[in-house]
Amino acid sequence: MNRFRWLILCAFVVAVSCKDAKKNEPIGIDKMKLITWDLIKAGEWHLQVIAKDSAALKRKEETRYYAQVFAIHGVTREQYYKSYRYYEAHPTEFKVLIDSIDAFSNREKNRLFENHGQAR
């Protein structure tokens, strides 16, 4: 009976430590790519708003747009920036992330041009 309790305790400790290890993992490259792309678009949208309304509070509006992006993707600001710092510290993985964002943006641009050409 005592061994059974130790086995249960050990299984519990392993399960908890695996859960904690998952928390420390960065956001995956595929999801990180989409979040970063949406943050870039939110920043561009903000620049358009500022160009039309110079009285807009730059920092507050931009933060609000970023918060919406994080909410859409189900991550917190802290999770995103922690993951971003992880990728910055790992140049090989960071290059993969940046290259995937670049490829994604090219696909989006081509899709928009194709759709625009068909509308005429």
PDB file of N, CA and C in Angstrom:
ATOM      1  N   MET A   1       0.822  -1.191   0.000  1.00  0.00           N
ATOM      2  CA  MET A   1       0.000   0.000   0.000  1.00  0.00           C
ATOM      3  C   MET A   1       0.868   1.258   0.000  1.00  0.00           C
ATOM      4  N   ASN A   2       1.964   1.206   0.738  1.00  0.00           N
ATOM      5  CA  ASN A   2       2.868   2.346   0.822  1.00  0.00           C
ATOM      6  C   ASN A   2       3.507   2.626  -0.540  1.00  0.00           C
ATOM      7  N   ARG A   3       3.862   1.562  -1.259  1.00  0.00           N
ATOM      8  CA  ARG A   3       4.446   1.724  -2.591  1.00  0.00           C
ATOM      9  C   ARG A   3       3.438   2.369  -3.551  1.00  0.00           C
ATOM     10  N   PHE A   4       2.203   1.980  -3.412  1.00  0.00           N
ATOM     11  CA  PHE A   4       1.154   2.528  -4.272  1.00  0.00           C
ATOM     12  C   PHE A   4       1.029   4.034  -4.050  1.00  0.00           C
ATOM     13  N   ARG A   5       1.093   4.480  -2.807  1.00  0.00           N
ATOM     14  CA  ARG A   5       1.021   5.910  -2.500  1.00  0.00           C
ATOM     15  C   ARG A   5       2.211   6.651  -3.099  1.00  0.00           C
ATOM     16  N   TRP A   6       3.389   6.056  -2.986  1.00  0.00           N
ATOM     17  CA  TRP A   6       4.578   6.680  -3.571  1.00  0.00           C
ATOM     18  C   TRP A   6       4.460   6.766  -5.093  1.00  0.00           C
ATOM     19  N   LEU A   7       3.914   5.730  -5.685  1.00  0.00           N
ATOM     20  CA  LEU A   7       3.724   5.722  -7.139  1.00  0.00           C
ATOM     21  C   LEU A   7       2.752   6.819  -7.562  1.00  0.00           C
ATOM     22  N   ILE A   8       1.668   6.968  -6.848  1.00  0.00           N
ATOM     23  CA  ILE A   8       0.689   8.014  -7.133  1.00  0.00           C
ATOM     24  C   ILE A   8       1.330   9.388  -6.941  1.00  0.00           C
ATOM     25  N   LEU A   9       2.091   9.569  -5.875  1.00  0.00           N
ATOM     26  CA  LEU A   9       2.760  10.840  -5.605  1.00  0.00           C
ATOM     27  C   LEU A   9       3.758  11.170  -6.718  1.00  0.00           C
ATOM     28  N   CYS A  10       4.529  10.173  -7.129  1.00  0.00           N
ATOM     29  CA  CYS A  10       5.507  10.393  -8.206  1.00  0.00           C
ATOM     30  C   CYS A  10       4.805  10.748  -9.518  1.00  0.00           C
ATOM     31  N   ALA A  11       3.715  10.052  -9.822  1.00  0.00           N
ATOM     32  CA  ALA A  11       2.962  10.345 -11.046  1.00  0.00           C
ATOM     33  C   ALA A  11       2.412  11.766 -11.001  1.00  0.00           C
ATOM     34  N   PHE A  12       1.936  12.184  -9.852  1.00  0.00           N
ATOM     35  CA  PHE A  12       1.415  13.541  -9.694  1.00  0.00           C
ATOM     36  C   PHE A  12       2.512  14.581  -9.913  1.00  0.00           C
ATOM     37  N   VAL A  13       3.672  14.353  -9.320  1.00  0.00           N
ATOM     38  CA  VAL A  13       4.794  15.288  -9.459  1.00  0.00           C
ATOM     39  C   VAL A  13       5.227  15.385 -10.920  1.00  0.00           C
ATOM     40  N   VAL A  14       5.297  14.270 -11.605  1.00  0.00           N
ATOM     41  CA  VAL A  14       5.677  14.268 -13.019  1.00  0.00           C
ATOM     42  C   VAL A  14       4.638  15.028 -13.841  1.00  0.00           C
ATOM     43  N   ALA A  15       3.371  14.794 -13.571  1.00  0.00           N
ATOM     44  CA  ALA A  15       2.308  15.469 -14.321  1.00  0.00           C
ATOM     45  C   ALA A  15       2.360  16.981 -14.105  1.00  0.00           C
ATOM     46  N   VAL A  16       2.564  17.410 -12.883  1.00  0.00           N
ATOM     47  CA  VAL A  16       2.627  18.841 -12.587  1.00  0.00           C
ATOM     48  C   VAL A  16       3.858  19.463 -13.241  1.00  0.00           C
ATOM     49  N   SER A  17       4.979  18.790 -13.172  1.00  0.00           N
ATOM     50  CA  SER A  17       6.193  19.366 -13.758  1.00  0.00           C
ATOM     51  C   SER A  17       6.106  19.408 -15.277  1.00  0.00           C
ATOM     52  N   CYS A  18       5.445  18.453 -15.899  1.00  0.00           N
ATOM     53  CA  CYS A  18       5.243  18.496 -17.353  1.00  0.00           C
ATOM     54  C   CYS A  18       4.352  19.675 -17.724  1.00  0.00           C
ATOM     55  N   LYS A  19       3.338  19.933 -16.910  1.00  0.00           N
ATOM     56  CA  LYS A  19       2.432  21.049 -17.166  1.00  0.00           C
ATOM     57  C   LYS A  19       3.194  22.366 -17.067  1.00  0.00           C
ATOM     58  N   ASP A  20       4.060  22.498 -16.050  1.00  0.00           N
ATOM     59  CA  ASP A  20       4.864  23.708 -15.893  1.00  0.00           C
ATOM     60  C   ASP A  20       5.839  23.872 -17.049  1.00  0.00           C
ATOM     61  N   ALA A  21       6.398  22.791 -17.530  1.00  0.00           N
ATOM     62  CA  ALA A  21       7.330  22.863 -18.656  1.00  0.00           C
ATOM     63  C   ALA A  21       6.602  23.363 -19.905  1.00  0.00           C
ATOM     64  N   LYS A  22       5.360  22.950 -20.091  1.00  0.00           N
ATOM     65  CA  LYS A  22       4.586  23.420 -21.245  1.00  0.00           C
ATOM     66  C   LYS A  22       4.345  24.925 -21.170  1.00  0.00           C
ATOM     67  N   LYS A  23       4.137  25.455 -19.967  1.00  0.00           N
ATOM     68  CA  LYS A  23       3.921  26.894 -19.803  1.00  0.00           C
ATOM     69  C   LYS A  23       5.130  27.684 -20.281  1.00  0.00           C
ATOM     70  N   ASN A  24       6.317  27.131 -20.085  1.00  0.00           N
ATOM     71  CA  ASN A  24       7.544  27.833 -20.428  1.00  0.00           C
ATOM     72  C   ASN A  24       7.925  27.704 -21.897  1.00  0.00           C
ATOM     73  N   GLU A  25       7.245  26.850 -22.619  1.00  0.00           N
ATOM     74  CA  GLU A  25       7.540  26.708 -24.036  1.00  0.00           C
ATOM     75  C   GLU A  25       7.043  27.939 -24.781  1.00  0.00           C
ATOM     76  N   PRO A  26       7.777  28.339 -25.820  1.00  0.00           N
ATOM     77  CA  PRO A  26       7.315  29.498 -26.600  1.00  0.00           C
ATOM     78  C   PRO A  26       6.105  29.124 -27.451  1.00  0.00           C
ATOM     79  N   ILE A  27       5.407  30.134 -27.889  1.00  0.00           N
ATOM     80  CA  ILE A  27       4.301  29.925 -28.824  1.00  0.00           C
ATOM     81  C   ILE A  27       4.903  29.326 -30.092  1.00  0.00           C
ATOM     82  N   GLY A  28       4.232  28.357 -30.684  1.00  0.00           N
ATOM     83  CA  GLY A  28       4.741  27.709 -31.892  1.00  0.00           C
ATOM     84  C   GLY A  28       4.909  28.693 -33.045  1.00  0.00           C
ATOM     85  N   ILE A  29       5.820  28.363 -33.954  1.00  0.00           N
ATOM     86  CA  ILE A  29       6.136  29.268 -35.060  1.00  0.00           C
ATOM     87  C   ILE A  29       4.911  29.564 -35.912  1.00  0.00           C
ATOM     88  N   ASP A  30       4.083  28.568 -36.194  1.00  0.00           N
ATOM     89  CA  ASP A  30       2.903  28.813 -37.036  1.00  0.00           C
ATOM     90  C   ASP A  30       1.946  29.816 -36.396  1.00  0.00           C
ATOM     91  N   LYS A  31       1.699  29.666 -35.098  1.00  0.00           N
ATOM     92  CA  LYS A  31       0.801  30.596 -34.408  1.00  0.00           C
ATOM     93  C   LYS A  31       1.488  31.951 -34.226  1.00  0.00           C
ATOM     94  N   MET A  32       2.769  31.927 -33.910  1.00  0.00           N
ATOM     95  CA  MET A  32       3.530  33.162 -33.719  1.00  0.00           C
ATOM     96  C   MET A  32       3.543  33.979 -35.005  1.00  0.00           C
ATOM     97  N   LYS A  33       3.650  33.298 -36.129  1.00  0.00           N
ATOM     98  CA  LYS A  33       3.638  33.971 -37.434  1.00  0.00           C
ATOM     99  C   LYS A  33       2.334  34.733 -37.625  1.00  0.00           C
ATOM    100  N   LEU A  34       1.220  34.094 -37.335  1.00  0.00           N
ATOM    101  CA  LEU A  34      -0.083  34.730 -37.531  1.00  0.00           C
ATOM    102  C   LEU A  34      -0.292  35.902 -36.570  1.00  0.00           C
ATOM    103  N   ILE A  35       0.136  35.728 -35.324  1.00  0.00           N
ATOM    104  CA  ILE A  35      -0.010  36.814 -34.350  1.00  0.00           C
ATOM    105  C   ILE A  35       0.834  38.007 -34.777  1.00  0.00           C
ATOM    106  N   THR A  36       2.084  37.742 -35.159  1.00  0.00           N
ATOM    107  CA  THR A  36       2.979  38.823 -35.563  1.00  0.00           C
ATOM    108  C   THR A  36       2.444  39.524 -36.799  1.00  0.00           C
ATOM    109  N   TRP A  37       1.927  38.778 -37.750  1.00  0.00           N
ATOM    110  CA  TRP A  37       1.356  39.363 -38.963  1.00  0.00           C
ATOM    111  C   TRP A  37       0.180  40.276 -38.597  1.00  0.00           C
ATOM    112  N   ASP A  38      -0.678  39.812 -37.706  1.00  0.00           N
ATOM    113  CA  ASP A  38      -1.815  40.635 -37.299  1.00  0.00           C
ATOM    114  C   ASP A  38      -1.362  41.871 -36.518  1.00  0.00           C
ATOM    115  N   LEU A  39      -0.303  41.747 -35.729  1.00  0.00           N
ATOM    116  CA  LEU A  39       0.230  42.916 -35.024  1.00  0.00           C
ATOM    117  C   LEU A  39       0.788  43.937 -36.011  1.00  0.00           C
ATOM    118  N   ILE A  40       1.439  43.457 -37.054  1.00  0.00           N
ATOM    119  CA  ILE A  40       1.954  44.360 -38.089  1.00  0.00           C
ATOM    120  C   ILE A  40       0.788  45.085 -38.760  1.00  0.00           C
ATOM    121  N   LYS A  41      -0.257  44.343 -39.101  1.00  0.00           N
ATOM    122  CA  LYS A  41      -1.423  44.972 -39.728  1.00  0.00           C
ATOM    123  C   LYS A  41      -2.096  45.963 -38.784  1.00  0.00           C
ATOM    124  N   ALA A  42      -2.166  45.627 -37.486  1.00  0.00           N
ATOM    125  CA  ALA A  42      -2.766  46.539 -36.506  1.00  0.00           C
ATOM    126  C   ALA A  42      -1.945  47.822 -36.417  1.00  0.00           C
ATOM    127  N   GLY A  43      -0.636  47.690 -36.456  1.00  0.00           N
ATOM    128  CA  GLY A  43       0.227  48.871 -36.429  1.00  0.00           C
ATOM    129  C   GLY A  43       0.027  49.741 -37.658  1.00  0.00           C
ATOM    130  N   GLU A  44      -0.106  49.118 -38.816  1.00  0.00           N
ATOM    131  CA  GLU A  44      -0.355  49.871 -40.053  1.00  0.00           C
ATOM    132  C   GLU A  44      -1.719  50.553 -40.010  1.00  0.00           C
ATOM    133  N   TRP A  45      -2.714  49.843 -39.500  1.00  0.00           N
ATOM    134  CA  TRP A  45      -4.055  50.427 -39.364  1.00  0.00           C
ATOM    135  C   TRP A  45      -3.991  51.652 -38.458  1.00  0.00           C
ATOM    136  N   HIS A  46      -3.248  51.502 -37.368  1.00  0.00           N
ATOM    137  CA  HIS A  46      -3.093  52.615 -36.430  1.00  0.00           C
ATOM    138  C   HIS A  46      -2.448  53.816 -37.122  1.00  0.00           C
ATOM    139  N   LEU A  47      -1.449  53.578 -37.941  1.00  0.00           N
ATOM    140  CA  LEU A  47      -0.805  54.675 -38.668  1.00  0.00           C
ATOM    141  C   LEU A  47      -1.796  55.377 -39.593  1.00  0.00           C
ATOM    142  N   GLN A  48      -2.697  54.612 -40.197  1.00  0.00           N
ATOM    143  CA  GLN A  48      -3.718  55.215 -41.051  1.00  0.00           C
ATOM    144  C   GLN A  48      -4.667  56.081 -40.231  1.00  0.00           C
ATOM    145  N   VAL A  49      -5.038  55.620 -39.058  1.00  0.00           N
ATOM    146  CA  VAL A  49      -5.931  56.383 -38.186  1.00  0.00           C
ATOM    147  C   VAL A  49      -5.245  57.668 -37.745  1.00  0.00           C
ATOM    148  N   ILE A  50      -3.988  57.576 -37.354  1.00  0.00           N
ATOM    149  CA  ILE A  50      -3.233  58.751 -36.911  1.00  0.00           C
ATOM    150  C   ILE A  50      -3.106  59.756 -38.052  1.00  0.00           C
ATOM    151  N   ALA A  51      -2.902  59.273 -39.273  1.00  0.00           N
ATOM    152  CA  ALA A  51      -2.762  60.187 -40.412  1.00  0.00           C
ATOM    153  C   ALA A  51      -4.036  60.996 -40.627  1.00  0.00           C
ATOM    154  N   LYS A  52      -5.189  60.406 -40.333  1.00  0.00           N
ATOM    155  CA  LYS A  52      -6.466  61.094 -40.525  1.00  0.00           C
ATOM    156  C   LYS A  52      -6.863  61.928 -39.307  1.00  0.00           C
ATOM    157  N   ASP A  53      -6.436  61.512 -38.125  1.00  0.00           N
ATOM    158  CA  ASP A  53      -6.840  62.168 -36.890  1.00  0.00           C
ATOM    159  C   ASP A  53      -5.623  62.374 -35.999  1.00  0.00           C
ATOM    160  N   SER A  54      -4.982  63.505 -36.140  1.00  0.00           N
ATOM    161  CA  SER A  54      -3.755  63.756 -35.376  1.00  0.00           C
ATOM    162  C   SER A  54      -4.022  63.906 -33.885  1.00  0.00           C
ATOM    163  N   ALA A  55      -5.263  64.081 -33.503  1.00  0.00           N
ATOM    164  CA  ALA A  55      -5.594  64.215 -32.081  1.00  0.00           C
ATOM    165  C   ALA A  55      -5.690  62.858 -31.385  1.00  0.00           C
ATOM    166  N   ALA A  56      -5.687  61.771 -32.163  1.00  0.00           N
ATOM    167  CA  ALA A  56      -5.779  60.438 -31.556  1.00  0.00           C
ATOM    168  C   ALA A  56      -4.570  60.192 -30.667  1.00  0.00           C
ATOM    169  N   LEU A  57      -4.812  59.557 -29.555  1.00  0.00           N
ATOM    170  CA  LEU A  57      -3.712  59.260 -28.637  1.00  0.00           C
ATOM    171  C   LEU A  57      -2.978  58.029 -29.154  1.00  0.00           C
ATOM    172  N   LYS A  58      -1.810  58.246 -29.689  1.00  0.00           N
ATOM    173  CA  LYS A  58      -1.050  57.197 -30.364  1.00  0.00           C
ATOM    174  C   LYS A  58      -0.863  55.952 -29.504  1.00  0.00           C
ATOM    175  N   ARG A  59      -0.345  56.108 -28.320  1.00  0.00           N
ATOM    176  CA  ARG A  59       0.016  54.945 -27.507  1.00  0.00           C
ATOM    177  C   ARG A  59      -1.202  54.148 -27.077  1.00  0.00           C
ATOM    178  N   LYS A  60      -2.248  54.835 -26.632  1.00  0.00           N
ATOM    179  CA  LYS A  60      -3.431  54.136 -26.151  1.00  0.00           C
ATOM    180  C   LYS A  60      -4.132  53.379 -27.269  1.00  0.00           C
ATOM    181  N   GLU A  61      -4.271  53.994 -28.426  1.00  0.00           N
ATOM    182  CA  GLU A  61      -4.951  53.331 -29.540  1.00  0.00           C
ATOM    183  C   GLU A  61      -4.174  52.118 -30.018  1.00  0.00           C
ATOM    184  N   GLU A  62      -2.858  52.272 -30.149  1.00  0.00           N
ATOM    185  CA  GLU A  62      -2.039  51.163 -30.616  1.00  0.00           C
ATOM    186  C   GLU A  62      -2.103  50.000 -29.629  1.00  0.00           C
ATOM    187  N   THR A  63      -2.058  50.307 -28.349  1.00  0.00           N
ATOM    188  CA  THR A  63      -2.151  49.280 -27.315  1.00  0.00           C
ATOM    189  C   THR A  63      -3.497  48.570 -27.387  1.00  0.00           C
ATOM    190  N   ARG A  64      -4.550  49.332 -27.646  1.00  0.00           N
ATOM    191  CA  ARG A  64      -5.887  48.728 -27.751  1.00  0.00           C
ATOM    192  C   ARG A  64      -5.952  47.775 -28.936  1.00  0.00           C
ATOM    193  N   TYR A  65      -5.380  48.172 -30.066  1.00  0.00           N
ATOM    194  CA  TYR A  65      -5.371  47.291 -31.240  1.00  0.00           C
ATOM    195  C   TYR A  65      -4.575  46.019 -30.955  1.00  0.00           C
ATOM    196  N   TYR A  66      -3.428  46.176 -30.306  1.00  0.00           N
ATOM    197  CA  TYR A  66      -2.612  45.003 -29.977  1.00  0.00           C
ATOM    198  C   TYR A  66      -3.357  44.078 -29.021  1.00  0.00           C
ATOM    199  N   ALA A  67      -4.049  44.645 -28.047  1.00  0.00           N
ATOM    200  CA  ALA A  67      -4.815  43.834 -27.098  1.00  0.00           C
ATOM    201  C   ALA A  67      -5.885  43.031 -27.823  1.00  0.00           C
ATOM    202  N   GLN A  68      -6.503  43.629 -28.837  1.00  0.00           N
ATOM    203  CA  GLN A  68      -7.509  42.909 -29.617  1.00  0.00           C
ATOM    204  C   GLN A  68      -6.878  41.744 -30.373  1.00  0.00           C
ATOM    205  N   VAL A  69      -5.695  41.955 -30.926  1.00  0.00           N
ATOM    206  CA  VAL A  69      -5.000  40.878 -31.646  1.00  0.00           C
ATOM    207  C   VAL A  69      -4.685  39.734 -30.686  1.00  0.00           C
ATOM    208  N   PHE A  70      -4.159  40.067 -29.499  1.00  0.00           N
ATOM    209  CA  PHE A  70      -3.843  39.015 -28.535  1.00  0.00           C
ATOM    210  C   PHE A  70      -5.101  38.257 -28.127  1.00  0.00           C
ATOM    211  N   ALA A  71      -6.211  38.964 -27.938  1.00  0.00           N
ATOM    212  CA  ALA A  71      -7.467  38.316 -27.553  1.00  0.00           C
ATOM    213  C   ALA A  71      -7.964  37.395 -28.662  1.00  0.00           C
ATOM    214  N   ILE A  72      -7.866  37.835 -29.895  1.00  0.00           N
ATOM    215  CA  ILE A  72      -8.309  37.012 -31.028  1.00  0.00           C
ATOM    216  C   ILE A  72      -7.535  35.702 -31.076  1.00  0.00           C
ATOM    217  N   HIS A  73      -6.244  35.767 -30.797  1.00  0.00           N
ATOM    218  CA  HIS A  73      -5.391  34.583 -30.884  1.00  0.00           C
ATOM    219  C   HIS A  73      -5.310  33.805 -29.573  1.00  0.00           C
ATOM    220  N   GLY A  74      -5.959  34.303 -28.528  1.00  0.00           N
ATOM    221  CA  GLY A  74      -6.004  33.578 -27.259  1.00  0.00           C
ATOM    222  C   GLY A  74      -4.680  33.524 -26.519  1.00  0.00           C
ATOM    223  N   VAL A  75      -3.882  34.583 -26.632  1.00  0.00           N
ATOM    224  CA  VAL A  75      -2.627  34.664 -25.889  1.00  0.00           C
ATOM    225  C   VAL A  75      -2.592  35.987 -25.137  1.00  0.00           C
ATOM    226  N   THR A  76      -1.744  36.050 -24.151  1.00  0.00           N
ATOM    227  CA  THR A  76      -1.572  37.312 -23.436  1.00  0.00           C
ATOM    228  C   THR A  76      -0.391  38.062 -24.037  1.00  0.00           C
ATOM    229  N   ARG A  77      -0.347  39.335 -23.719  1.00  0.00           N
ATOM    230  CA  ARG A  77       0.771  40.159 -24.172  1.00  0.00           C
ATOM    231  C   ARG A  77       2.083  39.569 -23.649  1.00  0.00           C
ATOM    232  N   GLU A  78       2.068  39.140 -22.387  1.00  0.00           N
ATOM    233  CA  GLU A  78       3.266  38.587 -21.762  1.00  0.00           C
ATOM    234  C   GLU A  78       3.713  37.306 -22.469  1.00  0.00           C
ATOM    235  N   GLN A  79       2.760  36.421 -22.793  1.00  0.00           N
ATOM    236  CA  GLN A  79       3.113  35.186 -23.504  1.00  0.00           C
ATOM    237  C   GLN A  79       3.747  35.502 -24.850  1.00  0.00           C
ATOM    238  N   TYR A  80       3.164  36.465 -25.567  1.00  0.00           N
ATOM    239  CA  TYR A  80       3.695  36.795 -26.888  1.00  0.00           C
ATOM    240  C   TYR A  80       5.123  37.331 -26.779  1.00  0.00           C
ATOM    241  N   TYR A  81       5.328  38.327 -25.904  1.00  0.00           N
ATOM    242  CA  TYR A  81       6.650  38.941 -25.824  1.00  0.00           C
ATOM    243  C   TYR A  81       7.688  37.999 -25.220  1.00  0.00           C
ATOM    244  N   LYS A  82       7.262  37.121 -24.337  1.00  0.00           N
ATOM    245  CA  LYS A  82       8.182  36.105 -23.807  1.00  0.00           C
ATOM    246  C   LYS A  82       8.619  35.175 -24.939  1.00  0.00           C
ATOM    247  N   SER A  83       7.674  34.776 -25.781  1.00  0.00           N
ATOM    248  CA  SER A  83       7.993  33.923 -26.919  1.00  0.00           C
ATOM    249  C   SER A  83       8.872  34.660 -27.924  1.00  0.00           C
ATOM    250  N   TYR A  84       8.571  35.936 -28.139  1.00  0.00           N
ATOM    251  CA  TYR A  84       9.363  36.733 -29.074  1.00  0.00           C
ATOM    252  C   TYR A  84      10.813  36.834 -28.592  1.00  0.00           C
ATOM    253  N   ARG A  85      10.982  37.066 -27.303  1.00  0.00           N
ATOM    254  CA  ARG A  85      12.342  37.123 -26.753  1.00  0.00           C
ATOM    255  C   ARG A  85      13.049  35.774 -26.880  1.00  0.00           C
ATOM    256  N   TYR A  86      12.289  34.687 -26.712  1.00  0.00           N
ATOM    257  CA  TYR A  86      12.871  33.354 -26.901  1.00  0.00           C
ATOM    258  C   TYR A  86      13.402  33.211 -28.328  1.00  0.00           C
ATOM    259  N   TYR A  87      12.573  33.576 -29.304  1.00  0.00           N
ATOM    260  CA  TYR A  87      13.002  33.440 -30.695  1.00  0.00           C
ATOM    261  C   TYR A  87      14.190  34.347 -31.007  1.00  0.00           C
ATOM    262  N   GLU A  88      14.195  35.548 -30.436  1.00  0.00           N
ATOM    263  CA  GLU A  88      15.349  36.430 -30.637  1.00  0.00           C
ATOM    264  C   GLU A  88      16.637  35.815 -30.088  1.00  0.00           C
ATOM    265  N   ALA A  89      16.525  35.086 -28.999  1.00  0.00           N
ATOM    266  CA  ALA A  89      17.692  34.451 -28.375  1.00  0.00           C
ATOM    267  C   ALA A  89      18.135  33.188 -29.107  1.00  0.00           C
ATOM    268  N   HIS A  90      17.306  32.689 -30.022  1.00  0.00           N
ATOM    269  CA  HIS A  90      17.625  31.481 -30.801  1.00  0.00           C
ATOM    270  C   HIS A  90      17.584  31.849 -32.289  1.00  0.00           C
ATOM    271  N   PRO A  91      18.710  32.330 -32.820  1.00  0.00           N
ATOM    272  CA  PRO A  91      18.742  32.887 -34.178  1.00  0.00           C
ATOM    273  C   PRO A  91      18.228  31.958 -35.276  1.00  0.00           C
ATOM    274  N   THR A  92      18.496  30.676 -35.171  1.00  0.00           N
ATOM    275  CA  THR A  92      18.027  29.749 -36.209  1.00  0.00           C
ATOM    276  C   THR A  92      16.508  29.705 -36.246  1.00  0.00           C
ATOM    277  N   GLU A  93      15.896  29.589 -35.076  1.00  0.00           N
ATOM    278  CA  GLU A  93      14.434  29.551 -35.004  1.00  0.00           C
ATOM    279  C   GLU A  93      13.837  30.910 -35.357  1.00  0.00           C
ATOM    280  N   PHE A  94      14.538  31.988 -34.974  1.00  0.00           N
ATOM    281  CA  PHE A  94      14.055  33.335 -35.291  1.00  0.00           C
ATOM    282  C   PHE A  94      14.039  33.550 -36.802  1.00  0.00           C
ATOM    283  N   LYS A  95      15.060  33.042 -37.480  1.00  0.00           N
ATOM    284  CA  LYS A  95      15.111  33.153 -38.945  1.00  0.00           C
ATOM    285  C   LYS A  95      13.943  32.402 -39.577  1.00  0.00           C
ATOM    286  N   VAL A  96      13.636  31.225 -39.059  1.00  0.00           N
ATOM    287  CA  VAL A  96      12.497  30.460 -39.569  1.00  0.00           C
ATOM    288  C   VAL A  96      11.211  31.262 -39.369  1.00  0.00           C
ATOM    289  N   LEU A  97      11.064  31.877 -38.201  1.00  0.00           N
ATOM    290  CA  LEU A  97       9.873  32.688 -37.922  1.00  0.00           C
ATOM    291  C   LEU A  97       9.776  33.857 -38.895  1.00  0.00           C
ATOM    292  N   ILE A  98      10.855  34.603 -39.054  1.00  0.00           N
ATOM    293  CA  ILE A  98      10.847  35.773 -39.936  1.00  0.00           C
ATOM    294  C   ILE A  98      10.610  35.355 -41.382  1.00  0.00           C
ATOM    295  N   ASP A  99      11.246  34.271 -41.814  1.00  0.00           N
ATOM    296  CA  ASP A  99      11.035  33.788 -43.181  1.00  0.00           C
ATOM    297  C   ASP A  99       9.589  33.348 -43.402  1.00  0.00           C
ATOM    298  N   SER A 100       8.982  32.725 -42.385  1.00  0.00           N
ATOM    299  CA  SER A 100       7.591  32.287 -42.542  1.00  0.00           C
ATOM    300  C   SER A 100       6.646  33.488 -42.581  1.00  0.00           C
ATOM    301  N   ILE A 101       6.944  34.534 -41.818  1.00  0.00           N
ATOM    302  CA  ILE A 101       6.139  35.755 -41.878  1.00  0.00           C
ATOM    303  C   ILE A 101       6.262  36.387 -43.255  1.00  0.00           C
ATOM    304  N   ASP A 102       7.482  36.428 -43.785  1.00  0.00           N
ATOM    305  CA  ASP A 102       7.711  37.002 -45.108  1.00  0.00           C
ATOM    306  C   ASP A 102       6.962  36.215 -46.187  1.00  0.00           C
ATOM    307  N   ALA A 103       7.049  34.893 -46.140  1.00  0.00           N
ATOM    308  CA  ALA A 103       6.339  34.068 -47.119  1.00  0.00           C
ATOM    309  C   ALA A 103       4.833  34.252 -46.990  1.00  0.00           C
ATOM    310  N   PHE A 104       4.347  34.330 -45.760  1.00  0.00           N
ATOM    311  CA  PHE A 104       2.918  34.529 -45.527  1.00  0.00           C
ATOM    312  C   PHE A 104       2.462  35.871 -46.092  1.00  0.00           C
ATOM    313  N   SER A 105       3.276  36.914 -45.867  1.00  0.00           N
ATOM    314  CA  SER A 105       2.895  38.234 -46.373  1.00  0.00           C
ATOM    315  C   SER A 105       2.876  38.245 -47.902  1.00  0.00           C
ATOM    316  N   ASN A 106       3.807  37.548 -48.520  1.00  0.00           N
ATOM    317  CA  ASN A 106       3.803  37.465 -49.990  1.00  0.00           C
ATOM    318  C   ASN A 106       2.570  36.730 -50.498  1.00  0.00           C
ATOM    319  N   ARG A 107       2.187  35.644 -49.811  1.00  0.00           N
ATOM    320  CA  ARG A 107       0.973  34.917 -50.218  1.00  0.00           C
ATOM    321  C   ARG A 107      -0.262  35.798 -50.063  1.00  0.00           C
ATOM    322  N   GLU A 108      -0.326  36.541 -48.958  1.00  0.00           N
ATOM    323  CA  GLU A 108      -1.465  37.443 -48.732  1.00  0.00           C
ATOM    324  C   GLU A 108      -1.520  38.533 -49.804  1.00  0.00           C
ATOM    325  N   LYS A 109      -0.367  39.101 -50.127  1.00  0.00           N
ATOM    326  CA  LYS A 109      -0.308  40.146 -51.147  1.00  0.00           C
ATOM    327  C   LYS A 109      -0.765  39.592 -52.498  1.00  0.00           C
ATOM    328  N   ASN A 110      -0.288  38.409 -52.855  1.00  0.00           N
ATOM    329  CA  ASN A 110      -0.699  37.799 -54.120  1.00  0.00           C
ATOM    330  C   ASN A 110      -2.187  37.489 -54.135  1.00  0.00           C
ATOM    331  N   ARG A 111      -2.703  37.016 -53.011  1.00  0.00           N
ATOM    332  CA  ARG A 111      -4.136  36.709 -52.922  1.00  0.00           C
ATOM    333  C   ARG A 111      -4.963  37.978 -53.105  1.00  0.00           C
ATOM    334  N   LEU A 112      -4.542  39.070 -52.492  1.00  0.00           N
ATOM    335  CA  LEU A 112      -5.272  40.330 -52.607  1.00  0.00           C
ATOM    336  C   LEU A 112      -5.231  40.855 -54.056  1.00  0.00           C
ATOM    337  N   PHE A 113      -4.073  40.747 -54.704  1.00  0.00           N
ATOM    338  CA  PHE A 113      -3.964  41.205 -56.088  1.00  0.00           C
ATOM    339  C   PHE A 113      -4.813  40.347 -57.024  1.00  0.00           C
ATOM    340  N   GLU A 114      -4.840  39.037 -56.771  1.00  0.00           N
ATOM    341  CA  GLU A 114      -5.685  38.141 -57.590  1.00  0.00           C
ATOM    342  C   GLU A 114      -7.152  38.486 -57.410  1.00  0.00           C
ATOM    343  N   ASN A 115      -7.584  38.686 -56.175  1.00  0.00           N
ATOM    344  CA  ASN A 115      -8.983  39.017 -55.897  1.00  0.00           C
ATOM    345  C   ASN A 115      -9.334  40.384 -56.468  1.00  0.00           C
ATOM    346  N   HIS A 116      -8.428  41.325 -56.411  1.00  0.00           N
ATOM    347  CA  HIS A 116      -8.658  42.658 -56.955  1.00  0.00           C
ATOM    348  C   HIS A 116      -8.769  42.594 -58.469  1.00  0.00           C
ATOM    349  N   GLY A 117      -7.956  41.779 -59.094  1.00  0.00           N
ATOM    350  CA  GLY A 117      -7.995  41.633 -60.556  1.00  0.00           C
ATOM    351  C   GLY A 117      -9.276  40.970 -61.025  1.00  0.00           C
ATOM    352  N   GLN A 118      -9.833  40.055 -60.248  1.00  0.00           N
ATOM    353  CA  GLN A 118     -11.064  39.377 -60.617  1.00  0.00           C
ATOM    354  C   GLN A 118     -12.275  40.272 -60.428  1.00  0.00           C
ATOM    355  N   ALA A 119     -12.166  41.262 -59.568  1.00  0.00           N
ATOM    356  CA  ALA A 119     -13.313  42.147 -59.299  1.00  0.00           C
ATOM    357  C   ALA A 119     -13.578  43.116 -60.455  1.00  0.00           C
ATOM    358  N   ARG A 120     -12.607  43.329 -61.287  1.00  0.00           N
ATOM    359  CA  ARG A 120     -12.767  44.293 -62.388  1.00  0.00           C
ATOM    360  C   ARG A 120     -13.538  43.735 -63.494  1.00  0.00           C
TER     361      ARG A 120
END
